[in-house]
Amino acid sequence: MEVKHTSTVIYTVLPDNSKAFIRYKVENNIMKLLETYTPPQHRGKGIAGMLMDYAIEMARKNGYLVEPICSYSIYYFIKHKELRDILAEPYRSMSDEELKKLFEKRLEEEKSKEGE
């Protein structure tokens, strides 16, 4: 799968022509990961992780730090401790427990937005 990006979206076109993506914005050399989406029929296949890998590589190439805002991006850094050096503060200094609490809070916020 080929991953591409614009100034606000990292994405890949899937075999059924649907798209998986990460919405982001860069402010003051911080890449803010705002939203991650994979169509339901393609979830659990590692696509969001592949997009996150691309985002981190892009951040490193451009000298950005990363601010994980959406629940998936927080979850990704819970699972990949070895990549936390790319995180902006205060995320870089958070313990596993603090990141897990933040993940649960963001997940709850996102679920409540879906219901609006």
PDB file of N, CA and C in Angstrom:
ATOM      1  N   MET A   1       0.838  -1.188   0.000  1.00  0.00           N
ATOM      2  CA  MET A   1       0.000   0.000   0.000  1.00  0.00           C
ATOM      3  C   MET A   1       0.876   1.242   0.000  1.00  0.00           C
ATOM      4  N   GLU A   2       0.534   2.164  -0.848  1.00  0.00           N
ATOM      5  CA  GLU A   2       1.292   3.403  -0.929  1.00  0.00           C
ATOM      6  C   GLU A   2       0.677   4.447  -0.001  1.00  0.00           C
ATOM      7  N   VAL A   3       1.522   5.068   0.796  1.00  0.00           N
ATOM      8  CA  VAL A   3       1.082   6.132   1.699  1.00  0.00           C
ATOM      9  C   VAL A   3       1.506   7.461   1.098  1.00  0.00           C
ATOM     10  N   LYS A   4       0.597   8.418   1.115  1.00  0.00           N
ATOM     11  CA  LYS A   4       0.865   9.758   0.588  1.00  0.00           C
ATOM     12  C   LYS A   4       0.450  10.775   1.634  1.00  0.00           C
ATOM     13  N   HIS A   5       0.812  12.035   1.387  1.00  0.00           N
ATOM     14  CA  HIS A   5       0.369  13.070   2.311  1.00  0.00           C
ATOM     15  C   HIS A   5       0.170  14.407   1.603  1.00  0.00           C
ATOM     16  N   THR A   6      -0.678  15.206   2.219  1.00  0.00           N
ATOM     17  CA  THR A   6      -0.858  16.594   1.832  1.00  0.00           C
ATOM     18  C   THR A   6      -0.384  17.410   3.038  1.00  0.00           C
ATOM     19  N   SER A   7      -0.662  18.693   3.051  1.00  0.00           N
ATOM     20  CA  SER A   7      -0.230  19.510   4.187  1.00  0.00           C
ATOM     21  C   SER A   7      -1.076  19.276   5.438  1.00  0.00           C
ATOM     22  N   THR A   8      -2.177  18.504   5.307  1.00  0.00           N
ATOM     23  CA  THR A   8      -3.044  18.269   6.469  1.00  0.00           C
ATOM     24  C   THR A   8      -3.476  16.811   6.658  1.00  0.00           C
ATOM     25  N   VAL A   9      -3.160  15.938   5.700  1.00  0.00           N
ATOM     26  CA  VAL A   9      -3.632  14.551   5.770  1.00  0.00           C
ATOM     27  C   VAL A   9      -2.542  13.587   5.292  1.00  0.00           C
ATOM     28  N   ILE A  10      -2.371  12.506   6.032  1.00  0.00           N
ATOM     29  CA  ILE A  10      -1.556  11.363   5.613  1.00  0.00           C
ATOM     30  C   ILE A  10      -2.570  10.277   5.288  1.00  0.00           C
ATOM     31  N   TYR A  11      -2.467   9.656   4.117  1.00  0.00           N
ATOM     32  CA  TYR A  11      -3.528   8.725   3.725  1.00  0.00           C
ATOM     33  C   TYR A  11      -3.024   7.617   2.822  1.00  0.00           C
ATOM     34  N   THR A  12      -3.851   6.596   2.721  1.00  0.00           N
ATOM     35  CA  THR A  12      -3.637   5.547   1.744  1.00  0.00           C
ATOM     36  C   THR A  12      -4.995   5.179   1.152  1.00  0.00           C
ATOM     37  N   VAL A  13      -4.990   4.866  -0.132  1.00  0.00           N
ATOM     38  CA  VAL A  13      -6.209   4.416  -0.813  1.00  0.00           C
ATOM     39  C   VAL A  13      -6.207   2.892  -0.744  1.00  0.00           C
ATOM     40  N   LEU A  14      -7.299   2.347  -0.252  1.00  0.00           N
ATOM     41  CA  LEU A  14      -7.411   0.906  -0.037  1.00  0.00           C
ATOM     42  C   LEU A  14      -7.961   0.208  -1.285  1.00  0.00           C
ATOM     43  N   PRO A  15      -7.845  -1.123  -1.362  1.00  0.00           N
ATOM     44  CA  PRO A  15      -8.258  -1.850  -2.570  1.00  0.00           C
ATOM     45  C   PRO A  15      -9.691  -1.558  -3.031  1.00  0.00           C
ATOM     46  N   ASP A  16     -10.594  -1.235  -2.092  1.00  0.00           N
ATOM     47  CA  ASP A  16     -11.977  -0.940  -2.484  1.00  0.00           C
ATOM     48  C   ASP A  16     -12.199   0.560  -2.735  1.00  0.00           C
ATOM     49  N   ASN A  17     -11.097   1.304  -2.896  1.00  0.00           N
ATOM     50  CA  ASN A  17     -11.100   2.751  -3.146  1.00  0.00           C
ATOM     51  C   ASN A  17     -11.531   3.597  -1.949  1.00  0.00           C
ATOM     52  N   SER A  18     -11.702   2.985  -0.779  1.00  0.00           N
ATOM     53  CA  SER A  18     -11.927   3.785   0.424  1.00  0.00           C
ATOM     54  C   SER A  18     -10.555   4.281   0.895  1.00  0.00           C
ATOM     55  N   LYS A  19     -10.551   5.199   1.853  1.00  0.00           N
ATOM     56  CA  LYS A  19      -9.287   5.755   2.339  1.00  0.00           C
ATOM     57  C   LYS A  19      -9.166   5.610   3.848  1.00  0.00           C
ATOM     58  N   ALA A  20      -7.949   5.346   4.273  1.00  0.00           N
ATOM     59  CA  ALA A  20      -7.591   5.414   5.689  1.00  0.00           C
ATOM     60  C   ALA A  20      -6.704   6.646   5.806  1.00  0.00           C
ATOM     61  N   PHE A  21      -6.828   7.371   6.930  1.00  0.00           N
ATOM     62  CA  PHE A  21      -6.071   8.612   7.015  1.00  0.00           C
ATOM     63  C   PHE A  21      -5.775   9.038   8.441  1.00  0.00           C
ATOM     64  N   ILE A  22      -4.804   9.945   8.546  1.00  0.00           N
ATOM     65  CA  ILE A  22      -4.519  10.683   9.774  1.00  0.00           C
ATOM     66  C   ILE A  22      -4.622  12.155   9.397  1.00  0.00           C
ATOM     67  N   ARG A  23      -5.480  12.877  10.095  1.00  0.00           N
ATOM     68  CA  ARG A  23      -5.532  14.334   9.933  1.00  0.00           C
ATOM     69  C   ARG A  23      -4.537  14.932  10.915  1.00  0.00           C
ATOM     70  N   TYR A  24      -3.763  15.901  10.449  1.00  0.00           N
ATOM     71  CA  TYR A  24      -2.766  16.522  11.316  1.00  0.00           C
ATOM     72  C   TYR A  24      -2.602  17.993  10.976  1.00  0.00           C
ATOM     73  N   LYS A  25      -1.963  18.721  11.890  1.00  0.00           N
ATOM     74  CA  LYS A  25      -1.534  20.078  11.568  1.00  0.00           C
ATOM     75  C   LYS A  25      -0.208  20.312  12.269  1.00  0.00           C
ATOM     76  N   VAL A  26       0.598  21.178  11.680  1.00  0.00           N
ATOM     77  CA  VAL A  26       1.899  21.506  12.249  1.00  0.00           C
ATOM     78  C   VAL A  26       1.863  22.953  12.724  1.00  0.00           C
ATOM     79  N   GLU A  27       2.201  23.141  13.990  1.00  0.00           N
ATOM     80  CA  GLU A  27       2.296  24.480  14.580  1.00  0.00           C
ATOM     81  C   GLU A  27       3.563  24.530  15.412  1.00  0.00           C
ATOM     82  N   ASN A  28       4.390  25.540  15.183  1.00  0.00           N
ATOM     83  CA  ASN A  28       5.627  25.718  15.968  1.00  0.00           C
ATOM     84  C   ASN A  28       6.473  24.447  16.026  1.00  0.00           C
ATOM     85  N   ASN A  29       6.635  23.809  14.872  1.00  0.00           N
ATOM     86  CA  ASN A  29       7.429  22.572  14.769  1.00  0.00           C
ATOM     87  C   ASN A  29       6.881  21.416  15.584  1.00  0.00           C
ATOM     88  N   ILE A  30       5.589  21.444  15.872  1.00  0.00           N
ATOM     89  CA  ILE A  30       4.926  20.314  16.533  1.00  0.00           C
ATOM     90  C   ILE A  30       3.842  19.782  15.603  1.00  0.00           C
ATOM     91  N   MET A  31       3.943  18.494  15.287  1.00  0.00           N
ATOM     92  CA  MET A  31       2.949  17.833  14.459  1.00  0.00           C
ATOM     93  C   MET A  31       1.853  17.300  15.377  1.00  0.00           C
ATOM     94  N   LYS A  32       0.671  17.881  15.262  1.00  0.00           N
ATOM     95  CA  LYS A  32      -0.457  17.478  16.100  1.00  0.00           C
ATOM     96  C   LYS A  32      -1.281  16.450  15.337  1.00  0.00           C
ATOM     97  N   LEU A  33      -1.383  15.256  15.895  1.00  0.00           N
ATOM     98  CA  LEU A  33      -2.138  14.172  15.259  1.00  0.00           C
ATOM     99  C   LEU A  33      -3.580  14.254  15.758  1.00  0.00           C
ATOM    100  N   LEU A  34      -4.462  14.751  14.906  1.00  0.00           N
ATOM    101  CA  LEU A  34      -5.818  15.129  15.299  1.00  0.00           C
ATOM    102  C   LEU A  34      -6.842  14.006  15.205  1.00  0.00           C
ATOM    103  N   GLU A  35      -6.727  13.198  14.176  1.00  0.00           N
ATOM    104  CA  GLU A  35      -7.744  12.161  13.936  1.00  0.00           C
ATOM    105  C   GLU A  35      -7.134  11.049  13.105  1.00  0.00           C
ATOM    106  N   THR A  36      -7.430   9.819  13.488  1.00  0.00           N
ATOM    107  CA  THR A  36      -7.017   8.652  12.707  1.00  0.00           C
ATOM    108  C   THR A  36      -8.281   7.895  12.335  1.00  0.00           C
ATOM    109  N   TYR A  37      -8.383   7.513  11.065  1.00  0.00           N
ATOM    110  CA  TYR A  37      -9.573   6.789  10.618  1.00  0.00           C
ATOM    111  C   TYR A  37      -9.179   5.670   9.666  1.00  0.00           C
ATOM    112  N   THR A  38      -9.732   4.502   9.919  1.00  0.00           N
ATOM    113  CA  THR A  38      -9.643   3.369   9.001  1.00  0.00           C
ATOM    114  C   THR A  38     -11.069   2.873   8.797  1.00  0.00           C
ATOM    115  N   PRO A  39     -11.498   2.679   7.545  1.00  0.00           N
ATOM    116  CA  PRO A  39     -12.851   2.161   7.313  1.00  0.00           C
ATOM    117  C   PRO A  39     -13.058   0.840   8.073  1.00  0.00           C
ATOM    118  N   PRO A  40     -14.253   0.639   8.622  1.00  0.00           N
ATOM    119  CA  PRO A  40     -14.509  -0.561   9.443  1.00  0.00           C
ATOM    120  C   PRO A  40     -14.078  -1.879   8.802  1.00  0.00           C
ATOM    121  N   GLN A  41     -14.291  -2.023   7.508  1.00  0.00           N
ATOM    122  CA  GLN A  41     -13.971  -3.296   6.834  1.00  0.00           C
ATOM    123  C   GLN A  41     -12.461  -3.542   6.730  1.00  0.00           C
ATOM    124  N   HIS A  42     -11.642  -2.542   7.049  1.00  0.00           N
ATOM    125  CA  HIS A  42     -10.182  -2.693   6.953  1.00  0.00           C
ATOM    126  C   HIS A  42      -9.488  -2.601   8.309  1.00  0.00           C
ATOM    127  N   ARG A  43     -10.239  -2.517   9.380  1.00  0.00           N
ATOM    128  CA  ARG A  43      -9.637  -2.395  10.710  1.00  0.00           C
ATOM    129  C   ARG A  43      -8.997  -3.718  11.137  1.00  0.00           C
ATOM    130  N   GLY A  44      -7.984  -3.608  11.987  1.00  0.00           N
ATOM    131  CA  GLY A  44      -7.301  -4.804  12.491  1.00  0.00           C
ATOM    132  C   GLY A  44      -6.274  -5.373  11.543  1.00  0.00           C
ATOM    133  N   LYS A  45      -5.929  -4.629  10.494  1.00  0.00           N
ATOM    134  CA  LYS A  45      -4.965  -5.108   9.498  1.00  0.00           C
ATOM    135  C   LYS A  45      -3.640  -4.350   9.560  1.00  0.00           C
ATOM    136  N   GLY A  46      -3.482  -3.469  10.557  1.00  0.00           N
ATOM    137  CA  GLY A  46      -2.221  -2.740  10.692  1.00  0.00           C
ATOM    138  C   GLY A  46      -2.115  -1.484   9.851  1.00  0.00           C
ATOM    139  N   ILE A  47      -3.225  -1.064   9.244  1.00  0.00           N
ATOM    140  CA  ILE A  47      -3.183   0.095   8.356  1.00  0.00           C
ATOM    141  C   ILE A  47      -2.945   1.390   9.139  1.00  0.00           C
ATOM    142  N   ALA A  48      -3.648   1.576  10.250  1.00  0.00           N
ATOM    143  CA  ALA A  48      -3.449   2.788  11.053  1.00  0.00           C
ATOM    144  C   ALA A  48      -2.018   2.847  11.583  1.00  0.00           C
ATOM    145  N   GLY A  49      -1.475   1.714  11.974  1.00  0.00           N
ATOM    146  CA  GLY A  49      -0.087   1.658  12.435  1.00  0.00           C
ATOM    147  C   GLY A  49       0.882   2.051  11.336  1.00  0.00           C
ATOM    148  N   MET A  50       0.609   1.605  10.124  1.00  0.00           N
ATOM    149  CA  MET A  50       1.440   1.962   8.975  1.00  0.00           C
ATOM    150  C   MET A  50       1.398   3.485   8.745  1.00  0.00           C
ATOM    151  N   LEU A  51       0.213   4.083   8.876  1.00  0.00           N
ATOM    152  CA  LEU A  51       0.087   5.528   8.718  1.00  0.00           C
ATOM    153  C   LEU A  51       0.835   6.257   9.833  1.00  0.00           C
ATOM    154  N   MET A  52       0.769   5.732  11.050  1.00  0.00           N
ATOM    155  CA  MET A  52       1.500   6.336  12.169  1.00  0.00           C
ATOM    156  C   MET A  52       3.008   6.240  11.939  1.00  0.00           C
ATOM    157  N   ASP A  53       3.481   5.110  11.434  1.00  0.00           N
ATOM    158  CA  ASP A  53       4.909   4.964  11.120  1.00  0.00           C
ATOM    159  C   ASP A  53       5.336   6.046  10.136  1.00  0.00           C
ATOM    160  N   TYR A  54       4.500   6.276   9.129  1.00  0.00           N
ATOM    161  CA  TYR A  54       4.777   7.293   8.123  1.00  0.00           C
ATOM    162  C   TYR A  54       4.803   8.682   8.766  1.00  0.00           C
ATOM    163  N   ALA A  55       3.842   8.964   9.645  1.00  0.00           N
ATOM    164  CA  ALA A  55       3.774  10.264  10.320  1.00  0.00           C
ATOM    165  C   ALA A  55       5.042  10.506  11.144  1.00  0.00           C
ATOM    166  N   ILE A  56       5.506   9.486  11.847  1.00  0.00           N
ATOM    167  CA  ILE A  56       6.704   9.626  12.674  1.00  0.00           C
ATOM    168  C   ILE A  56       7.930   9.855  11.806  1.00  0.00           C
ATOM    169  N   GLU A  57       8.020   9.111  10.718  1.00  0.00           N
ATOM    170  CA  GLU A  57       9.135   9.292   9.788  1.00  0.00           C
ATOM    171  C   GLU A  57       9.119  10.711   9.215  1.00  0.00           C
ATOM    172  N   MET A  58       7.945  11.180   8.850  1.00  0.00           N
ATOM    173  CA  MET A  58       7.789  12.531   8.321  1.00  0.00           C
ATOM    174  C   MET A  58       8.193  13.580   9.374  1.00  0.00           C
ATOM    175  N   ALA A  59       7.764  13.368  10.609  1.00  0.00           N
ATOM    176  CA  ALA A  59       8.108  14.292  11.698  1.00  0.00           C
ATOM    177  C   ALA A  59       9.628  14.325  11.892  1.00  0.00           C
ATOM    178  N   ARG A  60      10.246  13.167  11.913  1.00  0.00           N
ATOM    179  CA  ARG A  60      11.704  13.108  12.104  1.00  0.00           C
ATOM    180  C   ARG A  60      12.440  13.832  10.977  1.00  0.00           C
ATOM    181  N   LYS A  61      12.024  13.593   9.737  1.00  0.00           N
ATOM    182  CA  LYS A  61      12.676  14.225   8.582  1.00  0.00           C
ATOM    183  C   LYS A  61      12.581  15.748   8.647  1.00  0.00           C
ATOM    184  N   ASN A  62      11.488  16.244   9.197  1.00  0.00           N
ATOM    185  CA  ASN A  62      11.251  17.691   9.243  1.00  0.00           C
ATOM    186  C   ASN A  62      11.649  18.335  10.573  1.00  0.00           C
ATOM    187  N   GLY A  63      12.153  17.531  11.507  1.00  0.00           N
ATOM    188  CA  GLY A  63      12.568  18.060  12.798  1.00  0.00           C
ATOM    189  C   GLY A  63      11.413  18.452  13.704  1.00  0.00           C
ATOM    190  N   TYR A  64      10.249  17.803  13.504  1.00  0.00           N
ATOM    191  CA  TYR A  64       9.077  18.085  14.332  1.00  0.00           C
ATOM    192  C   TYR A  64       9.043  17.169  15.551  1.00  0.00           C
ATOM    193  N   LEU A  65       8.405  17.651  16.601  1.00  0.00           N
ATOM    194  CA  LEU A  65       7.994  16.787  17.694  1.00  0.00           C
ATOM    195  C   LEU A  65       6.539  16.435  17.438  1.00  0.00           C
ATOM    196  N   VAL A  66       6.035  15.410  18.100  1.00  0.00           N
ATOM    197  CA  VAL A  66       4.671  14.930  17.861  1.00  0.00           C
ATOM    198  C   VAL A  66       3.812  15.134  19.103  1.00  0.00           C
ATOM    199  N   GLU A  67       2.605  15.646  18.881  1.00  0.00           N
ATOM    200  CA  GLU A  67       1.613  15.758  19.947  1.00  0.00           C
ATOM    201  C   GLU A  67       0.455  14.824  19.595  1.00  0.00           C
ATOM    202  N   PRO A  68       0.330  13.706  20.305  1.00  0.00           N
ATOM    203  CA  PRO A  68      -0.753  12.759  20.008  1.00  0.00           C
ATOM    204  C   PRO A  68      -2.064  13.250  20.621  1.00  0.00           C
ATOM    205  N   ILE A  69      -2.992  13.639  19.792  1.00  0.00           N
ATOM    206  CA  ILE A  69      -4.268  14.168  20.285  1.00  0.00           C
ATOM    207  C   ILE A  69      -5.373  13.124  20.181  1.00  0.00           C
ATOM    208  N   CYS A  70      -5.491  12.464  19.050  1.00  0.00           N
ATOM    209  CA  CYS A  70      -6.561  11.465  18.905  1.00  0.00           C
ATOM    210  C   CYS A  70      -6.205  10.200  19.688  1.00  0.00           C
ATOM    211  N   SER A  71      -7.232   9.441  20.039  1.00  0.00           N
ATOM    212  CA  SER A  71      -7.032   8.258  20.880  1.00  0.00           C
ATOM    213  C   SER A  71      -6.075   7.245  20.252  1.00  0.00           C
ATOM    214  N   TYR A  72      -6.183   7.033  18.937  1.00  0.00           N
ATOM    215  CA  TYR A  72      -5.308   6.029  18.326  1.00  0.00           C
ATOM    216  C   TYR A  72      -3.844   6.430  18.432  1.00  0.00           C
ATOM    217  N   SER A  73      -3.553   7.710  18.227  1.00  0.00           N
ATOM    218  CA  SER A  73      -2.149   8.125  18.288  1.00  0.00           C
ATOM    219  C   SER A  73      -1.595   7.953  19.704  1.00  0.00           C
ATOM    220  N   ILE A  74      -2.414   8.193  20.711  1.00  0.00           N
ATOM    221  CA  ILE A  74      -1.979   7.968  22.101  1.00  0.00           C
ATOM    222  C   ILE A  74      -1.743   6.472  22.325  1.00  0.00           C
ATOM    223  N   TYR A  75      -2.685   5.652  21.868  1.00  0.00           N
ATOM    224  CA  TYR A  75      -2.578   4.196  21.980  1.00  0.00           C
ATOM    225  C   TYR A  75      -1.275   3.695  21.324  1.00  0.00           C
ATOM    226  N   TYR A  76      -0.967   4.247  20.167  1.00  0.00           N
ATOM    227  CA  TYR A  76       0.233   3.855  19.430  1.00  0.00           C
ATOM    228  C   TYR A  76       1.483   4.055  20.291  1.00  0.00           C
ATOM    229  N   PHE A  77       1.561   5.190  20.986  1.00  0.00           N
ATOM    230  CA  PHE A  77       2.736   5.457  21.806  1.00  0.00           C
ATOM    231  C   PHE A  77       2.733   4.682  23.122  1.00  0.00           C
ATOM    232  N   ILE A  78       1.575   4.223  23.553  1.00  0.00           N
ATOM    233  CA  ILE A  78       1.533   3.299  24.694  1.00  0.00           C
ATOM    234  C   ILE A  78       2.201   1.995  24.273  1.00  0.00           C
ATOM    235  N   LYS A  79       1.878   1.542  23.068  1.00  0.00           N
ATOM    236  CA  LYS A  79       2.415   0.273  22.555  1.00  0.00           C
ATOM    237  C   LYS A  79       3.872   0.378  22.108  1.00  0.00           C
ATOM    238  N   HIS A  80       4.302   1.554  21.665  1.00  0.00           N
ATOM    239  CA  HIS A  80       5.654   1.727  21.105  1.00  0.00           C
ATOM    240  C   HIS A  80       6.471   2.697  21.956  1.00  0.00           C
ATOM    241  N   LYS A  81       6.840   2.238  23.140  1.00  0.00           N
ATOM    242  CA  LYS A  81       7.607   3.069  24.082  1.00  0.00           C
ATOM    243  C   LYS A  81       8.914   3.558  23.464  1.00  0.00           C
ATOM    244  N   GLU A  82       9.481   2.741  22.590  1.00  0.00           N
ATOM    245  CA  GLU A  82      10.789   3.060  22.002  1.00  0.00           C
ATOM    246  C   GLU A  82      10.735   4.298  21.089  1.00  0.00           C
ATOM    247  N   LEU A  83       9.542   4.732  20.739  1.00  0.00           N
ATOM    248  CA  LEU A  83       9.402   5.895  19.850  1.00  0.00           C
ATOM    249  C   LEU A  83       9.027   7.177  20.587  1.00  0.00           C
ATOM    250  N   ARG A  84       8.924   7.109  21.892  1.00  0.00           N
ATOM    251  CA  ARG A  84       8.450   8.265  22.663  1.00  0.00           C
ATOM    252  C   ARG A  84       9.411   9.451  22.652  1.00  0.00           C
ATOM    253  N   ASP A  85      10.639   9.249  22.174  1.00  0.00           N
ATOM    254  CA  ASP A  85      11.578  10.376  22.094  1.00  0.00           C
ATOM    255  C   ASP A  85      11.094  11.458  21.123  1.00  0.00           C
ATOM    256  N   ILE A  86      10.181  11.102  20.219  1.00  0.00           N
ATOM    257  CA  ILE A  86       9.642  12.054  19.243  1.00  0.00           C
ATOM    258  C   ILE A  86       8.517  12.906  19.841  1.00  0.00           C
ATOM    259  N   LEU A  87       8.023  12.518  20.998  1.00  0.00           N
ATOM    260  CA  LEU A  87       6.884  13.212  21.594  1.00  0.00           C
ATOM    261  C   LEU A  87       7.265  14.569  22.173  1.00  0.00           C
ATOM    262  N   ALA A  88       6.341  15.511  22.022  1.00  0.00           N
ATOM    263  CA  ALA A  88       6.478  16.813  22.665  1.00  0.00           C
ATOM    264  C   ALA A  88       6.117  16.656  24.138  1.00  0.00           C
ATOM    265  N   GLU A  89       6.571  17.585  24.947  1.00  0.00           N
ATOM    266  CA  GLU A  89       6.153  17.594  26.350  1.00  0.00           C
ATOM    267  C   GLU A  89       4.715  18.088  26.424  1.00  0.00           C
ATOM    268  N   PRO A  90       3.923  17.655  27.354  1.00  0.00           N
ATOM    269  CA  PRO A  90       4.259  16.798  28.497  1.00  0.00           C
ATOM    270  C   PRO A  90       4.169  15.311  28.180  1.00  0.00           C
ATOM    271  N   TYR A  91       3.795  14.947  26.963  1.00  0.00           N
ATOM    272  CA  TYR A  91       3.570  13.537  26.613  1.00  0.00           C
ATOM    273  C   TYR A  91       4.817  12.682  26.798  1.00  0.00           C
ATOM    274  N   ARG A  92       5.967  13.234  26.445  1.00  0.00           N
ATOM    275  CA  ARG A  92       7.220  12.471  26.542  1.00  0.00           C
ATOM    276  C   ARG A  92       7.498  12.041  27.984  1.00  0.00           C
ATOM    277  N   SER A  93       7.125  12.882  28.935  1.00  0.00           N
ATOM    278  CA  SER A  93       7.406  12.601  30.345  1.00  0.00           C
ATOM    279  C   SER A  93       6.314  11.790  31.043  1.00  0.00           C
ATOM    280  N   MET A  94       5.229  11.508  30.348  1.00  0.00           N
ATOM    281  CA  MET A  94       4.127  10.778  30.977  1.00  0.00           C
ATOM    282  C   MET A  94       4.482   9.317  31.205  1.00  0.00           C
ATOM    283  N   SER A  95       3.993   8.794  32.317  1.00  0.00           N
ATOM    284  CA  SER A  95       4.155   7.364  32.601  1.00  0.00           C
ATOM    285  C   SER A  95       3.164   6.580  31.747  1.00  0.00           C
ATOM    286  N   ASP A  96       3.352   5.274  31.709  1.00  0.00           N
ATOM    287  CA  ASP A  96       2.398   4.415  30.990  1.00  0.00           C
ATOM    288  C   ASP A  96       0.988   4.636  31.530  1.00  0.00           C
ATOM    289  N   GLU A  97       0.892   4.720  32.852  1.00  0.00           N
ATOM    290  CA  GLU A  97      -0.418   4.887  33.496  1.00  0.00           C
ATOM    291  C   GLU A  97      -1.078   6.204  33.081  1.00  0.00           C
ATOM    292  N   GLU A  98      -0.301   7.276  33.040  1.00  0.00           N
ATOM    293  CA  GLU A  98      -0.844   8.585  32.629  1.00  0.00           C
ATOM    294  C   GLU A  98      -1.286   8.564  31.171  1.00  0.00           C
ATOM    295  N   LEU A  99      -0.499   7.930  30.320  1.00  0.00           N
ATOM    296  CA  LEU A  99      -0.885   7.819  28.900  1.00  0.00           C
ATOM    297  C   LEU A  99      -2.160   6.988  28.750  1.00  0.00           C
ATOM    298  N   LYS A 100      -2.276   5.912  29.521  1.00  0.00           N
ATOM    299  CA  LYS A 100      -3.485   5.080  29.455  1.00  0.00           C
ATOM    300  C   LYS A 100      -4.718   5.858  29.893  1.00  0.00           C
ATOM    301  N   LYS A 101      -4.583   6.674  30.940  1.00  0.00           N
ATOM    302  CA  LYS A 101      -5.712   7.498  31.390  1.00  0.00           C
ATOM    303  C   LYS A 101      -6.094   8.517  30.329  1.00  0.00           C
ATOM    304  N   LEU A 102      -5.086   9.122  29.694  1.00  0.00           N
ATOM    305  CA  LEU A 102      -5.347  10.085  28.626  1.00  0.00           C
ATOM    306  C   LEU A 102      -6.034   9.400  27.444  1.00  0.00           C
ATOM    307  N   PHE A 103      -5.564   8.196  27.109  1.00  0.00           N
ATOM    308  CA  PHE A 103      -6.173   7.415  26.025  1.00  0.00           C
ATOM    309  C   PHE A 103      -7.651   7.170  26.314  1.00  0.00           C
ATOM    310  N   GLU A 104      -7.948   6.716  27.524  1.00  0.00           N
ATOM    311  CA  GLU A 104      -9.343   6.425  27.892  1.00  0.00           C
ATOM    312  C   GLU A 104     -10.203   7.684  27.844  1.00  0.00           C
ATOM    313  N   LYS A 105      -9.648   8.801  28.298  1.00  0.00           N
ATOM    314  CA  LYS A 105     -10.370  10.081  28.277  1.00  0.00           C
ATOM    315  C   LYS A 105     -10.674  10.498  26.837  1.00  0.00           C
ATOM    316  N   ARG A 106      -9.666  10.421  25.956  1.00  0.00           N
ATOM    317  CA  ARG A 106      -9.863  10.820  24.553  1.00  0.00           C
ATOM    318  C   ARG A 106     -10.843   9.890  23.853  1.00  0.00           C
ATOM    319  N   LEU A 107     -10.741   8.611  24.139  1.00  0.00           N
ATOM    320  CA  LEU A 107     -11.644   7.638  23.526  1.00  0.00           C
ATOM    321  C   LEU A 107     -13.085   7.958  23.917  1.00  0.00           C
ATOM    322  N   GLU A 108     -13.293   8.264  25.173  1.00  0.00           N
ATOM    323  CA  GLU A 108     -14.625   8.627  25.665  1.00  0.00           C
ATOM    324  C   GLU A 108     -15.133   9.895  24.978  1.00  0.00           C
ATOM    325  N   GLU A 109     -14.271  10.888  24.835  1.00  0.00           N
ATOM    326  CA  GLU A 109     -14.638  12.143  24.165  1.00  0.00           C
ATOM    327  C   GLU A 109     -15.012  11.881  22.706  1.00  0.00           C
ATOM    328  N   GLU A 110     -14.233  11.041  22.034  1.00  0.00           N
ATOM    329  CA  GLU A 110     -14.516  10.738  20.623  1.00  0.00           C
ATOM    330  C   GLU A 110     -15.827   9.974  20.472  1.00  0.00           C
ATOM    331  N   LYS A 111     -16.095   9.043  21.373  1.00  0.00           N
ATOM    332  CA  LYS A 111     -17.353   8.290  21.320  1.00  0.00           C
ATOM    333  C   LYS A 111     -18.543   9.200  21.558  1.00  0.00           C
ATOM    334  N   SER A 112     -18.418  10.145  22.471  1.00  0.00           N
ATOM    335  CA  SER A 112     -19.528  11.052  22.747  1.00  0.00           C
ATOM    336  C   SER A 112     -19.767  11.997  21.574  1.00  0.00           C
ATOM    337  N   LYS A 113     -18.698  12.351  20.851  1.00  0.00           N
ATOM    338  CA  LYS A 113     -18.853  13.196  19.651  1.00  0.00           C
ATOM    339  C   LYS A 113     -19.601  12.447  18.550  1.00  0.00           C
ATOM    340  N   GLU A 114     -19.303  11.162  18.415  1.00  0.00           N
ATOM    341  CA  GLU A 114     -19.973  10.342  17.389  1.00  0.00           C
ATOM    342  C   GLU A 114     -21.478  10.329  17.597  1.00  0.00           C
ATOM    343  N   GLY A 115     -21.889  10.373  18.850  1.00  0.00           N
ATOM    344  CA  GLY A 115     -23.308  10.315  19.171  1.00  0.00           C
ATOM    345  C   GLY A 115     -24.054  11.637  18.988  1.00  0.00           C
ATOM    346  N   GLU A 116     -23.317  12.719  18.713  1.00  0.00           N
ATOM    347  CA  GLU A 116     -23.963  14.032  18.566  1.00  0.00           C
ATOM    348  C   GLU A 116     -24.705  14.161  17.249  1.00  0.00           C
TER     349      GLU A 116
END
